[in-house]
Every structure is written in C-alpha cells, then in structure tokens.
Amino acid sequence: MEQALDAWLAAHPEIEAIPGRDLFIVARYLVPMEAAMMQGCLEASGIPAVLADAHLMQTDLLLAPALGGVRILVPAHHLQQAQAVIEAYGRGDFALDDNADVSATK
C-alpha cells in the first residue's frame, strides 16, 4: 500500500504532504468561498476535508497570494478519491443548470 501511495504521489507532484501528519494538501484557492465550495463537494463525496488558513484569508484577501491561499487538506487514504472529485469539479460535473430544482425535498 505504501509503495502504491508513493508511486501515485510521484505522478501527482502538485499534492503536498503536511510534515508529521497524515494529511496532504490537495488544492489551494485564493478565494475562501471557492475553497469552501470544494470542501463541500469533497465532504458530500464522503471525503473528510479540512480548510487551512481560510479565516486568515478572509481577514485580508491581499495576503492570499503571499500566503499561498486557502489549503484543502485530506487524509492519505482519501487522496485518489479527492483528486477524482477535484477533477470532476473542474470538468463541471457538479454544475447545476438554470432549471435545477434546489428546493428542499421531504
């Protein structure tokens, strides 16, 4: 399993490990609301996701580029699933059309 993860990480250099933790940075956003939307998509897909530095970015958006934006962190055993969700989001798979019914259902 560890070798498979190492091989996958080698193929995805944009994924960064958090030293001393079982968490990895899977995405960065300069706008906190975009990061929160992605976190919601990940969690709706069953992936535990944490936002790092979101509150700091909200206090002063001019700091966002200097600090690297809001980071989305996921555990190692959800990396591949998280990457798939991020790619699906980028393709527009989560987009709603103009006629989508977003009212609560009972």
PDB file of N, CA and C in Angstrom:
ATOM      1  N   MET A   1       0.837  -1.202   0.000  1.00  0.00           N
ATOM      2  CA  MET A   1       0.000   0.000   0.000  1.00  0.00           C
ATOM      3  C   MET A   1       0.871   1.250   0.000  1.00  0.00           C
ATOM      4  N   GLU A   2       1.892   1.261   0.844  1.00  0.00           N
ATOM      5  CA  GLU A   2       2.768   2.429   0.930  1.00  0.00           C
ATOM      6  C   GLU A   2       3.471   2.694  -0.400  1.00  0.00           C
ATOM      7  N   GLN A   3       3.893   1.622  -1.081  1.00  0.00           N
ATOM      8  CA  GLN A   3       4.554   1.793  -2.377  1.00  0.00           C
ATOM      9  C   GLN A   3       3.593   2.337  -3.412  1.00  0.00           C
ATOM     10  N   ALA A   4       2.350   1.872  -3.370  1.00  0.00           N
ATOM     11  CA  ALA A   4       1.344   2.363  -4.311  1.00  0.00           C
ATOM     12  C   ALA A   4       1.084   3.852  -4.082  1.00  0.00           C
ATOM     13  N   LEU A   5       1.009   4.262  -2.816  1.00  0.00           N
ATOM     14  CA  LEU A   5       0.801   5.677  -2.497  1.00  0.00           C
ATOM     15  C   LEU A   5       1.991   6.504  -2.956  1.00  0.00           C
ATOM     16  N   ASP A   6       3.197   6.010  -2.705  1.00  0.00           N
ATOM     17  CA  ASP A   6       4.400   6.730  -3.149  1.00  0.00           C
ATOM     18  C   ASP A   6       4.435   6.890  -4.655  1.00  0.00           C
ATOM     19  N   ALA A   7       4.051   5.850  -5.385  1.00  0.00           N
ATOM     20  CA  ALA A   7       4.022   5.916  -6.848  1.00  0.00           C
ATOM     21  C   ALA A   7       2.969   6.920  -7.316  1.00  0.00           C
ATOM     22  N   TRP A   8       1.804   6.911  -6.659  1.00  0.00           N
ATOM     23  CA  TRP A   8       0.741   7.843  -7.040  1.00  0.00           C
ATOM     24  C   TRP A   8       1.171   9.278  -6.769  1.00  0.00           C
ATOM     25  N   LEU A   9       1.796   9.500  -5.610  1.00  0.00           N
ATOM     26  CA  LEU A   9       2.275  10.841  -5.270  1.00  0.00           C
ATOM     27  C   LEU A   9       3.352  11.319  -6.241  1.00  0.00           C
ATOM     28  N   ALA A  10       4.202  10.419  -6.702  1.00  0.00           N
ATOM     29  CA  ALA A  10       5.233  10.788  -7.676  1.00  0.00           C
ATOM     30  C   ALA A  10       4.602  11.242  -8.980  1.00  0.00           C
ATOM     31  N   ALA A  11       3.454  10.672  -9.324  1.00  0.00           N
ATOM     32  CA  ALA A  11       2.744  11.054 -10.552  1.00  0.00           C
ATOM     33  C   ALA A  11       1.920  12.328 -10.383  1.00  0.00           C
ATOM     34  N   HIS A  12       1.762  12.794  -9.143  1.00  0.00           N
ATOM     35  CA  HIS A  12       0.971  13.991  -8.845  1.00  0.00           C
ATOM     36  C   HIS A  12       1.802  14.944  -7.978  1.00  0.00           C
ATOM     37  N   PRO A  13       2.779  15.618  -8.572  1.00  0.00           N
ATOM     38  CA  PRO A  13       3.657  16.490  -7.782  1.00  0.00           C
ATOM     39  C   PRO A  13       2.959  17.696  -7.163  1.00  0.00           C
ATOM     40  N   GLU A  14       1.750  18.008  -7.595  1.00  0.00           N
ATOM     41  CA  GLU A  14       1.030  19.149  -7.025  1.00  0.00           C
ATOM     42  C   GLU A  14       0.480  18.833  -5.627  1.00  0.00           C
ATOM     43  N   ILE A  15       0.434  17.561  -5.256  1.00  0.00           N
ATOM     44  CA  ILE A  15      -0.039  17.146  -3.943  1.00  0.00           C
ATOM     45  C   ILE A  15       1.122  17.271  -2.962  1.00  0.00           C
ATOM     46  N   GLU A  16       0.897  17.990  -1.865  1.00  0.00           N
ATOM     47  CA  GLU A  16       1.950  18.222  -0.879  1.00  0.00           C
ATOM     48  C   GLU A  16       1.598  17.566   0.453  1.00  0.00           C
ATOM     49  N   ALA A  17       2.578  16.947   1.072  1.00  0.00           N
ATOM     50  CA  ALA A  17       2.379  16.338   2.390  1.00  0.00           C
ATOM     51  C   ALA A  17       2.557  17.387   3.480  1.00  0.00           C
ATOM     52  N   ILE A  18       1.805  17.247   4.557  1.00  0.00           N
ATOM     53  CA  ILE A  18       1.983  18.065   5.747  1.00  0.00           C
ATOM     54  C   ILE A  18       2.965  17.293   6.631  1.00  0.00           C
ATOM     55  N   PRO A  19       4.140  17.841   6.903  1.00  0.00           N
ATOM     56  CA  PRO A  19       5.142  17.109   7.687  1.00  0.00           C
ATOM     57  C   PRO A  19       4.608  16.662   9.048  1.00  0.00           C
ATOM     58  N   GLY A  20       4.853  15.398   9.373  1.00  0.00           N
ATOM     59  CA  GLY A  20       4.463  14.865  10.664  1.00  0.00           C
ATOM     60  C   GLY A  20       2.987  14.544  10.805  1.00  0.00           C
ATOM     61  N   ARG A  21       2.246  14.647   9.733  1.00  0.00           N
ATOM     62  CA  ARG A  21       0.794  14.400   9.775  1.00  0.00           C
ATOM     63  C   ARG A  21       0.412  13.445   8.659  1.00  0.00           C
ATOM     64  N   ASP A  22      -0.751  12.875   8.747  1.00  0.00           N
ATOM     65  CA  ASP A  22      -1.280  12.010   7.702  1.00  0.00           C
ATOM     66  C   ASP A  22      -2.195  12.818   6.782  1.00  0.00           C
ATOM     67  N   LEU A  23      -1.897  14.106   6.635  1.00  0.00           N
ATOM     68  CA  LEU A  23      -2.709  14.992   5.801  1.00  0.00           C
ATOM     69  C   LEU A  23      -1.903  15.484   4.606  1.00  0.00           C
ATOM     70  N   PHE A  24      -2.610  15.694   3.512  1.00  0.00           N
ATOM     71  CA  PHE A  24      -1.994  16.175   2.288  1.00  0.00           C
ATOM     72  C   PHE A  24      -2.780  17.358   1.749  1.00  0.00           C
ATOM     73  N   ILE A  25      -2.068  18.321   1.173  1.00  0.00           N
ATOM     74  CA  ILE A  25      -2.704  19.467   0.520  1.00  0.00           C
ATOM     75  C   ILE A  25      -3.094  19.027  -0.878  1.00  0.00           C
ATOM     76  N   VAL A  26      -4.395  19.001  -1.165  1.00  0.00           N
ATOM     77  CA  VAL A  26      -4.862  18.563  -2.477  1.00  0.00           C
ATOM     78  C   VAL A  26      -5.239  19.734  -3.379  1.00  0.00           C
ATOM     79  N   ALA A  27      -5.458  20.903  -2.793  1.00  0.00           N
ATOM     80  CA  ALA A  27      -5.825  22.074  -3.601  1.00  0.00           C
ATOM     81  C   ALA A  27      -5.568  23.337  -2.799  1.00  0.00           C
ATOM     82  N   ARG A  28      -5.406  24.436  -3.533  1.00  0.00           N
ATOM     83  CA  ARG A  28      -5.251  25.772  -2.944  1.00  0.00           C
ATOM     84  C   ARG A  28      -6.160  26.730  -3.708  1.00  0.00           C
ATOM     85  N   TYR A  29      -6.787  27.638  -2.965  1.00  0.00           N
ATOM     86  CA  TYR A  29      -7.671  28.629  -3.571  1.00  0.00           C
ATOM     87  C   TYR A  29      -7.363  30.001  -2.984  1.00  0.00           C
ATOM     88  N   LEU A  30      -7.347  31.018  -3.832  1.00  0.00           N
ATOM     89  CA  LEU A  30      -7.124  32.377  -3.361  1.00  0.00           C
ATOM     90  C   LEU A  30      -8.395  33.006  -2.792  1.00  0.00           C
ATOM     91  N   VAL A  31      -9.544  32.468  -3.164  1.00  0.00           N
ATOM     92  CA  VAL A  31     -10.830  32.973  -2.680  1.00  0.00           C
ATOM     93  C   VAL A  31     -11.398  31.952  -1.686  1.00  0.00           C
ATOM     94  N   PRO A  32     -11.569  32.336  -0.431  1.00  0.00           N
ATOM     95  CA  PRO A  32     -12.049  31.388   0.579  1.00  0.00           C
ATOM     96  C   PRO A  32     -13.373  30.713   0.226  1.00  0.00           C
ATOM     97  N   MET A  33     -14.294  31.416  -0.416  1.00  0.00           N
ATOM     98  CA  MET A  33     -15.583  30.816  -0.767  1.00  0.00           C
ATOM     99  C   MET A  33     -15.409  29.669  -1.762  1.00  0.00           C
ATOM    100  N   GLU A  34     -14.467  29.801  -2.690  1.00  0.00           N
ATOM    101  CA  GLU A  34     -14.209  28.711  -3.639  1.00  0.00           C
ATOM    102  C   GLU A  34     -13.667  27.486  -2.909  1.00  0.00           C
ATOM    103  N   ALA A  35     -12.807  27.720  -1.933  1.00  0.00           N
ATOM    104  CA  ALA A  35     -12.273  26.613  -1.140  1.00  0.00           C
ATOM    105  C   ALA A  35     -13.391  25.931  -0.353  1.00  0.00           C
ATOM    106  N   ALA A  36     -14.300  26.720   0.205  1.00  0.00           N
ATOM    107  CA  ALA A  36     -15.415  26.164   0.971  1.00  0.00           C
ATOM    108  C   ALA A  36     -16.338  25.348   0.068  1.00  0.00           C
ATOM    109  N   MET A  37     -16.530  25.793  -1.157  1.00  0.00           N
ATOM    110  CA  MET A  37     -17.354  25.030  -2.106  1.00  0.00           C
ATOM    111  C   MET A  37     -16.705  23.685  -2.414  1.00  0.00           C
ATOM    112  N   MET A  38     -15.388  23.688  -2.627  1.00  0.00           N
ATOM    113  CA  MET A  38     -14.695  22.437  -2.915  1.00  0.00           C
ATOM    114  C   MET A  38     -14.717  21.519  -1.703  1.00  0.00           C
ATOM    115  N   GLN A  39     -14.547  22.085  -0.517  1.00  0.00           N
ATOM    116  CA  GLN A  39     -14.633  21.278   0.697  1.00  0.00           C
ATOM    117  C   GLN A  39     -16.004  20.607   0.777  1.00  0.00           C
ATOM    118  N   GLY A  40     -17.049  21.343   0.456  1.00  0.00           N
ATOM    119  CA  GLY A  40     -18.402  20.784   0.461  1.00  0.00           C
ATOM    120  C   GLY A  40     -18.559  19.651  -0.532  1.00  0.00           C
ATOM    121  N   CYS A  41     -17.994  19.802  -1.714  1.00  0.00           N
ATOM    122  CA  CYS A  41     -18.055  18.732  -2.725  1.00  0.00           C
ATOM    123  C   CYS A  41     -17.316  17.492  -2.240  1.00  0.00           C
ATOM    124  N   LEU A  42     -16.165  17.693  -1.632  1.00  0.00           N
ATOM    125  CA  LEU A  42     -15.395  16.563  -1.109  1.00  0.00           C
ATOM    126  C   LEU A  42     -16.157  15.854   0.003  1.00  0.00           C
ATOM    127  N   GLU A  43     -16.693  16.622   0.935  1.00  0.00           N
ATOM    128  CA  GLU A  43     -17.419  16.018   2.051  1.00  0.00           C
ATOM    129  C   GLU A  43     -18.697  15.334   1.579  1.00  0.00           C
ATOM    130  N   ALA A  44     -19.369  15.907   0.587  1.00  0.00           N
ATOM    131  CA  ALA A  44     -20.562  15.266   0.033  1.00  0.00           C
ATOM    132  C   ALA A  44     -20.215  13.952  -0.652  1.00  0.00           C
ATOM    133  N   SER A  45     -18.967  13.812  -1.059  1.00  0.00           N
ATOM    134  CA  SER A  45     -18.494  12.578  -1.687  1.00  0.00           C
ATOM    135  C   SER A  45     -17.927  11.597  -0.664  1.00  0.00           C
ATOM    136  N   GLY A  46     -18.045  11.921   0.617  1.00  0.00           N
ATOM    137  CA  GLY A  46     -17.594  11.030   1.667  1.00  0.00           C
ATOM    138  C   GLY A  46     -16.129  11.176   2.036  1.00  0.00           C
ATOM    139  N   ILE A  47     -15.509  12.282   1.642  1.00  0.00           N
ATOM    140  CA  ILE A  47     -14.087  12.508   1.897  1.00  0.00           C
ATOM    141  C   ILE A  47     -13.954  13.557   3.000  1.00  0.00           C
ATOM    142  N   PRO A  48     -13.326  13.219   4.123  1.00  0.00           N
ATOM    143  CA  PRO A  48     -13.107  14.243   5.148  1.00  0.00           C
ATOM    144  C   PRO A  48     -12.107  15.278   4.630  1.00  0.00           C
ATOM    145  N   ALA A  49     -12.491  16.530   4.679  1.00  0.00           N
ATOM    146  CA  ALA A  49     -11.644  17.612   4.166  1.00  0.00           C
ATOM    147  C   ALA A  49     -11.630  18.760   5.162  1.00  0.00           C
ATOM    148  N   VAL A  50     -10.457  19.365   5.310  1.00  0.00           N
ATOM    149  CA  VAL A  50     -10.273  20.462   6.255  1.00  0.00           C
ATOM    150  C   VAL A  50      -9.724  21.658   5.494  1.00  0.00           C
ATOM    151  N   LEU A  51     -10.232  22.847   5.821  1.00  0.00           N
ATOM    152  CA  LEU A  51      -9.686  24.073   5.253  1.00  0.00           C
ATOM    153  C   LEU A  51      -8.633  24.621   6.203  1.00  0.00           C
ATOM    154  N   ALA A  52      -7.489  25.000   5.649  1.00  0.00           N
ATOM    155  CA  ALA A  52      -6.433  25.617   6.444  1.00  0.00           C
ATOM    156  C   ALA A  52      -6.211  27.034   5.945  1.00  0.00           C
ATOM    157  N   ASP A  53      -6.136  27.973   6.844  1.00  0.00           N
ATOM    158  CA  ASP A  53      -5.877  29.391   6.573  1.00  0.00           C
ATOM    159  C   ASP A  53      -7.070  30.145   5.989  1.00  0.00           C
ATOM    160  N   ALA A  54      -8.249  29.559   6.012  1.00  0.00           N
ATOM    161  CA  ALA A  54      -9.419  30.230   5.446  1.00  0.00           C
ATOM    162  C   ALA A  54      -9.732  31.519   6.203  1.00  0.00           C
ATOM    163  N   HIS A  55      -9.691  31.475   7.517  1.00  0.00           N
ATOM    164  CA  HIS A  55     -10.009  32.674   8.307  1.00  0.00           C
ATOM    165  C   HIS A  55      -8.960  33.763   8.109  1.00  0.00           C
ATOM    166  N   LEU A  56      -7.726  33.357   7.962  1.00  0.00           N
ATOM    167  CA  LEU A  56      -6.660  34.325   7.723  1.00  0.00           C
ATOM    168  C   LEU A  56      -6.876  35.034   6.384  1.00  0.00           C
ATOM    169  N   MET A  57      -7.273  34.291   5.362  1.00  0.00           N
ATOM    170  CA  MET A  57      -7.515  34.891   4.047  1.00  0.00           C
ATOM    171  C   MET A  57      -8.716  35.835   4.094  1.00  0.00           C
ATOM    172  N   GLN A  58      -9.720  35.496   4.888  1.00  0.00           N
ATOM    173  CA  GLN A  58     -10.913  36.331   4.967  1.00  0.00           C
ATOM    174  C   GLN A  58     -10.628  37.667   5.650  1.00  0.00           C
ATOM    175  N   THR A  59      -9.634  37.707   6.520  1.00  0.00           N
ATOM    176  CA  THR A  59      -9.334  38.968   7.191  1.00  0.00           C
ATOM    177  C   THR A  59      -8.680  39.961   6.252  1.00  0.00           C
ATOM    178  N   ASP A  60      -7.881  39.459   5.312  1.00  0.00           N
ATOM    179  CA  ASP A  60      -7.208  40.363   4.369  1.00  0.00           C
ATOM    180  C   ASP A  60      -6.887  39.589   3.098  1.00  0.00           C
ATOM    181  N   LEU A  61      -7.742  39.732   2.089  1.00  0.00           N
ATOM    182  CA  LEU A  61      -7.557  38.986   0.833  1.00  0.00           C
ATOM    183  C   LEU A  61      -6.264  39.353   0.112  1.00  0.00           C
ATOM    184  N   LEU A  62      -5.690  40.500   0.432  1.00  0.00           N
ATOM    185  CA  LEU A  62      -4.433  40.878  -0.206  1.00  0.00           C
ATOM    186  C   LEU A  62      -3.279  39.980   0.252  1.00  0.00           C
ATOM    187  N   LEU A  63      -3.451  39.315   1.407  1.00  0.00           N
ATOM    188  CA  LEU A  63      -2.429  38.390   1.890  1.00  0.00           C
ATOM    189  C   LEU A  63      -2.490  37.034   1.185  1.00  0.00           C
ATOM    190  N   ALA A  64      -3.596  36.728   0.549  1.00  0.00           N
ATOM    191  CA  ALA A  64      -3.801  35.397  -0.029  1.00  0.00           C
ATOM    192  C   ALA A  64      -2.666  34.948  -0.955  1.00  0.00           C
ATOM    193  N   PRO A  65      -2.254  35.761  -1.924  1.00  0.00           N
ATOM    194  CA  PRO A  65      -1.166  35.296  -2.798  1.00  0.00           C
ATOM    195  C   PRO A  65       0.151  35.083  -2.048  1.00  0.00           C
ATOM    196  N   ALA A  66       0.433  35.932  -1.097  1.00  0.00           N
ATOM    197  CA  ALA A  66       1.687  35.818  -0.354  1.00  0.00           C
ATOM    198  C   ALA A  66       1.717  34.560   0.525  1.00  0.00           C
ATOM    199  N   LEU A  67       0.565  34.181   1.059  1.00  0.00           N
ATOM    200  CA  LEU A  67       0.499  33.035   1.957  1.00  0.00           C
ATOM    201  C   LEU A  67       0.150  31.735   1.250  1.00  0.00           C
ATOM    202  N   GLY A  68      -0.133  31.799  -0.029  1.00  0.00           N
ATOM    203  CA  GLY A  68      -0.444  30.576  -0.770  1.00  0.00           C
ATOM    204  C   GLY A  68      -1.903  30.205  -0.789  1.00  0.00           C
ATOM    205  N   GLY A  69      -2.755  31.068  -0.317  1.00  0.00           N
ATOM    206  CA  GLY A  69      -4.191  30.821  -0.370  1.00  0.00           C
ATOM    207  C   GLY A  69      -4.684  29.853   0.686  1.00  0.00           C
ATOM    208  N   VAL A  70      -5.952  29.507   0.559  1.00  0.00           N
ATOM    209  CA  VAL A  70      -6.591  28.553   1.457  1.00  0.00           C
ATOM    210  C   VAL A  70      -6.212  27.156   0.985  1.00  0.00           C
ATOM    211  N   ARG A  71      -5.743  26.328   1.912  1.00  0.00           N
ATOM    212  CA  ARG A  71      -5.350  24.967   1.576  1.00  0.00           C
ATOM    213  C   ARG A  71      -6.463  24.003   1.953  1.00  0.00           C
ATOM    214  N   ILE A  72      -6.696  23.012   1.103  1.00  0.00           N
ATOM    215  CA  ILE A  72      -7.633  21.939   1.419  1.00  0.00           C
ATOM    216  C   ILE A  72      -6.809  20.703   1.739  1.00  0.00           C
ATOM    217  N   LEU A  73      -7.038  20.157   2.941  1.00  0.00           N
ATOM    218  CA  LEU A  73      -6.282  19.009   3.424  1.00  0.00           C
ATOM    219  C   LEU A  73      -7.181  17.780   3.516  1.00  0.00           C
ATOM    220  N   VAL A  74      -6.655  16.638   3.074  1.00  0.00           N
ATOM    221  CA  VAL A  74      -7.369  15.364   3.204  1.00  0.00           C
ATOM    222  C   VAL A  74      -6.397  14.301   3.708  1.00  0.00           C
ATOM    223  N   PRO A  75      -6.915  13.272   4.385  1.00  0.00           N
ATOM    224  CA  PRO A  75      -6.058  12.172   4.840  1.00  0.00           C
ATOM    225  C   PRO A  75      -5.502  11.377   3.662  1.00  0.00           C
ATOM    226  N   ALA A  76      -4.387  10.703   3.901  1.00  0.00           N
ATOM    227  CA  ALA A  76      -3.692   9.955   2.849  1.00  0.00           C
ATOM    228  C   ALA A  76      -4.590   8.919   2.177  1.00  0.00           C
ATOM    229  N   HIS A  77      -5.408   8.213   2.945  1.00  0.00           N
ATOM    230  CA  HIS A  77      -6.207   7.144   2.346  1.00  0.00           C
ATOM    231  C   HIS A  77      -7.384   7.657   1.511  1.00  0.00           C
ATOM    232  N   HIS A  78      -7.564   8.969   1.405  1.00  0.00           N
ATOM    233  CA  HIS A  78      -8.613   9.549   0.558  1.00  0.00           C
ATOM    234  C   HIS A  78      -8.033  10.354  -0.610  1.00  0.00           C
ATOM    235  N   LEU A  79      -6.726  10.305  -0.805  1.00  0.00           N
ATOM    236  CA  LEU A  79      -6.086  11.156  -1.812  1.00  0.00           C
ATOM    237  C   LEU A  79      -6.611  10.923  -3.223  1.00  0.00           C
ATOM    238  N   GLN A  80      -6.651   9.681  -3.647  1.00  0.00           N
ATOM    239  CA  GLN A  80      -7.062   9.401  -5.025  1.00  0.00           C
ATOM    240  C   GLN A  80      -8.523   9.760  -5.258  1.00  0.00           C
ATOM    241  N   GLN A  81      -9.358   9.464  -4.292  1.00  0.00           N
ATOM    242  CA  GLN A  81     -10.779   9.826  -4.398  1.00  0.00           C
ATOM    243  C   GLN A  81     -10.931  11.349  -4.420  1.00  0.00           C
ATOM    244  N   ALA A  82     -10.170  12.057  -3.591  1.00  0.00           N
ATOM    245  CA  ALA A  82     -10.237  13.518  -3.566  1.00  0.00           C
ATOM    246  C   ALA A  82      -9.799  14.104  -4.903  1.00  0.00           C
ATOM    247  N   GLN A  83      -8.736  13.567  -5.463  1.00  0.00           N
ATOM    248  CA  GLN A  83      -8.256  14.055  -6.759  1.00  0.00           C
ATOM    249  C   GLN A  83      -9.322  13.859  -7.840  1.00  0.00           C
ATOM    250  N   ALA A  84     -10.021  12.730  -7.796  1.00  0.00           N
ATOM    251  CA  ALA A  84     -11.086  12.465  -8.764  1.00  0.00           C
ATOM    252  C   ALA A  84     -12.222  13.476  -8.622  1.00  0.00           C
ATOM    253  N   VAL A  85     -12.580  13.813  -7.386  1.00  0.00           N
ATOM    254  CA  VAL A  85     -13.646  14.801  -7.154  1.00  0.00           C
ATOM    255  C   VAL A  85     -13.205  16.179  -7.643  1.00  0.00           C
ATOM    256  N   ILE A  86     -11.965  16.563  -7.385  1.00  0.00           N
ATOM    257  CA  ILE A  86     -11.461  17.860  -7.836  1.00  0.00           C
ATOM    258  C   ILE A  86     -11.462  17.938  -9.359  1.00  0.00           C
ATOM    259  N   GLU A  87     -11.062  16.859 -10.012  1.00  0.00           N
ATOM    260  CA  GLU A  87     -11.077  16.836 -11.483  1.00  0.00           C
ATOM    261  C   GLU A  87     -12.505  16.902 -12.013  1.00  0.00           C
ATOM    262  N   ALA A  88     -13.438  16.203 -11.355  1.00  0.00           N
ATOM    263  CA  ALA A  88     -14.843  16.241 -11.769  1.00  0.00           C
ATOM    264  C   ALA A  88     -15.405  17.650 -11.622  1.00  0.00           C
ATOM    265  N   TYR A  89     -15.052  18.321 -10.542  1.00  0.00           N
ATOM    266  CA  TYR A  89     -15.495  19.701 -10.320  1.00  0.00           C
ATOM    267  C   TYR A  89     -14.962  20.599 -11.441  1.00  0.00           C
ATOM    268  N   GLY A  90     -13.698  20.407 -11.790  1.00  0.00           N
ATOM    269  CA  GLY A  90     -13.085  21.201 -12.858  1.00  0.00           C
ATOM    270  C   GLY A  90     -13.748  20.983 -14.212  1.00  0.00           C
ATOM    271  N   ARG A  91     -14.241  19.766 -14.449  1.00  0.00           N
ATOM    272  CA  ARG A  91     -14.950  19.465 -15.703  1.00  0.00           C
ATOM    273  C   ARG A  91     -16.369  20.018 -15.706  1.00  0.00           C
ATOM    274  N   GLY A  92     -16.867  20.414 -14.537  1.00  0.00           N
ATOM    275  CA  GLY A  92     -18.226  20.936 -14.451  1.00  0.00           C
ATOM    276  C   GLY A  92     -19.257  19.894 -14.070  1.00  0.00           C
ATOM    277  N   ASP A  93     -18.814  18.737 -13.581  1.00  0.00           N
ATOM    278  CA  ASP A  93     -19.749  17.672 -13.222  1.00  0.00           C
ATOM    279  C   ASP A  93     -20.676  18.046 -12.073  1.00  0.00           C
ATOM    280  N   PHE A  94     -20.305  19.022 -11.259  1.00  0.00           N
ATOM    281  CA  PHE A  94     -21.137  19.450 -10.135  1.00  0.00           C
ATOM    282  C   PHE A  94     -21.989  20.675 -10.468  1.00  0.00           C
ATOM    283  N   ALA A  95     -21.879  21.181 -11.679  1.00  0.00           N
ATOM    284  CA  ALA A  95     -22.611  22.390 -12.069  1.00  0.00           C
ATOM    285  C   ALA A  95     -24.108  22.099 -12.176  1.00  0.00           C
ATOM    286  N   LEU A  96     -24.890  23.078 -11.813  1.00  0.00           N
ATOM    287  CA  LEU A  96     -26.342  22.979 -11.930  1.00  0.00           C
ATOM    288  C   LEU A  96     -26.785  23.798 -13.129  1.00  0.00           C
ATOM    289  N   ASP A  97     -27.760  23.289 -13.860  1.00  0.00           N
ATOM    290  CA  ASP A  97     -28.268  24.090 -14.973  1.00  0.00           C
ATOM    291  C   ASP A  97     -29.282  25.100 -14.457  1.00  0.00           C
ATOM    292  N   ASP A  98     -29.721  25.973 -15.330  1.00  0.00           N
ATOM    293  CA  ASP A  98     -30.631  27.047 -14.916  1.00  0.00           C
ATOM    294  C   ASP A  98     -31.978  26.536 -14.415  1.00  0.00           C
ATOM    295  N   ASN A  99     -32.355  25.320 -14.774  1.00  0.00           N
ATOM    296  CA  ASN A  99     -33.651  24.771 -14.382  1.00  0.00           C
ATOM    297  C   ASN A  99     -33.559  23.817 -13.204  1.00  0.00           C
ATOM    298  N   ALA A 100     -32.421  23.749 -12.543  1.00  0.00           N
ATOM    299  CA  ALA A 100     -32.250  22.815 -11.428  1.00  0.00           C
ATOM    300  C   ALA A 100     -33.146  23.196 -10.259  1.00  0.00           C
ATOM    301  N   ASP A 101     -33.798  22.198  -9.684  1.00  0.00           N
ATOM    302  CA  ASP A 101     -34.658  22.407  -8.515  1.00  0.00           C
ATOM    303  C   ASP A 101     -33.774  22.250  -7.275  1.00  0.00           C
ATOM    304  N   VAL A 102     -33.477  23.338  -6.598  1.00  0.00           N
ATOM    305  CA  VAL A 102     -32.618  23.311  -5.415  1.00  0.00           C
ATOM    306  C   VAL A 102     -33.420  23.451  -4.124  1.00  0.00           C
ATOM    307  N   SER A 103     -34.737  23.317  -4.226  1.00  0.00           N
ATOM    308  CA  SER A 103     -35.576  23.404  -3.021  1.00  0.00           C
ATOM    309  C   SER A 103     -35.407  22.127  -2.209  1.00  0.00           C
ATOM    310  N   ALA A 104     -35.618  22.260  -0.930  1.00  0.00           N
ATOM    311  CA  ALA A 104     -35.511  21.104  -0.035  1.00  0.00           C
ATOM    312  C   ALA A 104     -36.652  20.133  -0.316  1.00  0.00           C
ATOM    313  N   THR A 105     -36.338  18.855  -0.338  1.00  0.00           N
ATOM    314  CA  THR A 105     -37.371  17.841  -0.544  1.00  0.00           C
ATOM    315  C   THR A 105     -37.640  17.120   0.753  1.00  0.00           C
ATOM    316  N   LYS A 106     -38.844  16.606   0.876  1.00  0.00           N
ATOM    317  CA  LYS A 106     -39.219  15.901   2.104  1.00  0.00           C
ATOM    318  C   LYS A 106     -39.324  14.436   1.848  1.00  0.00           C
TER     319      LYS A 106
END
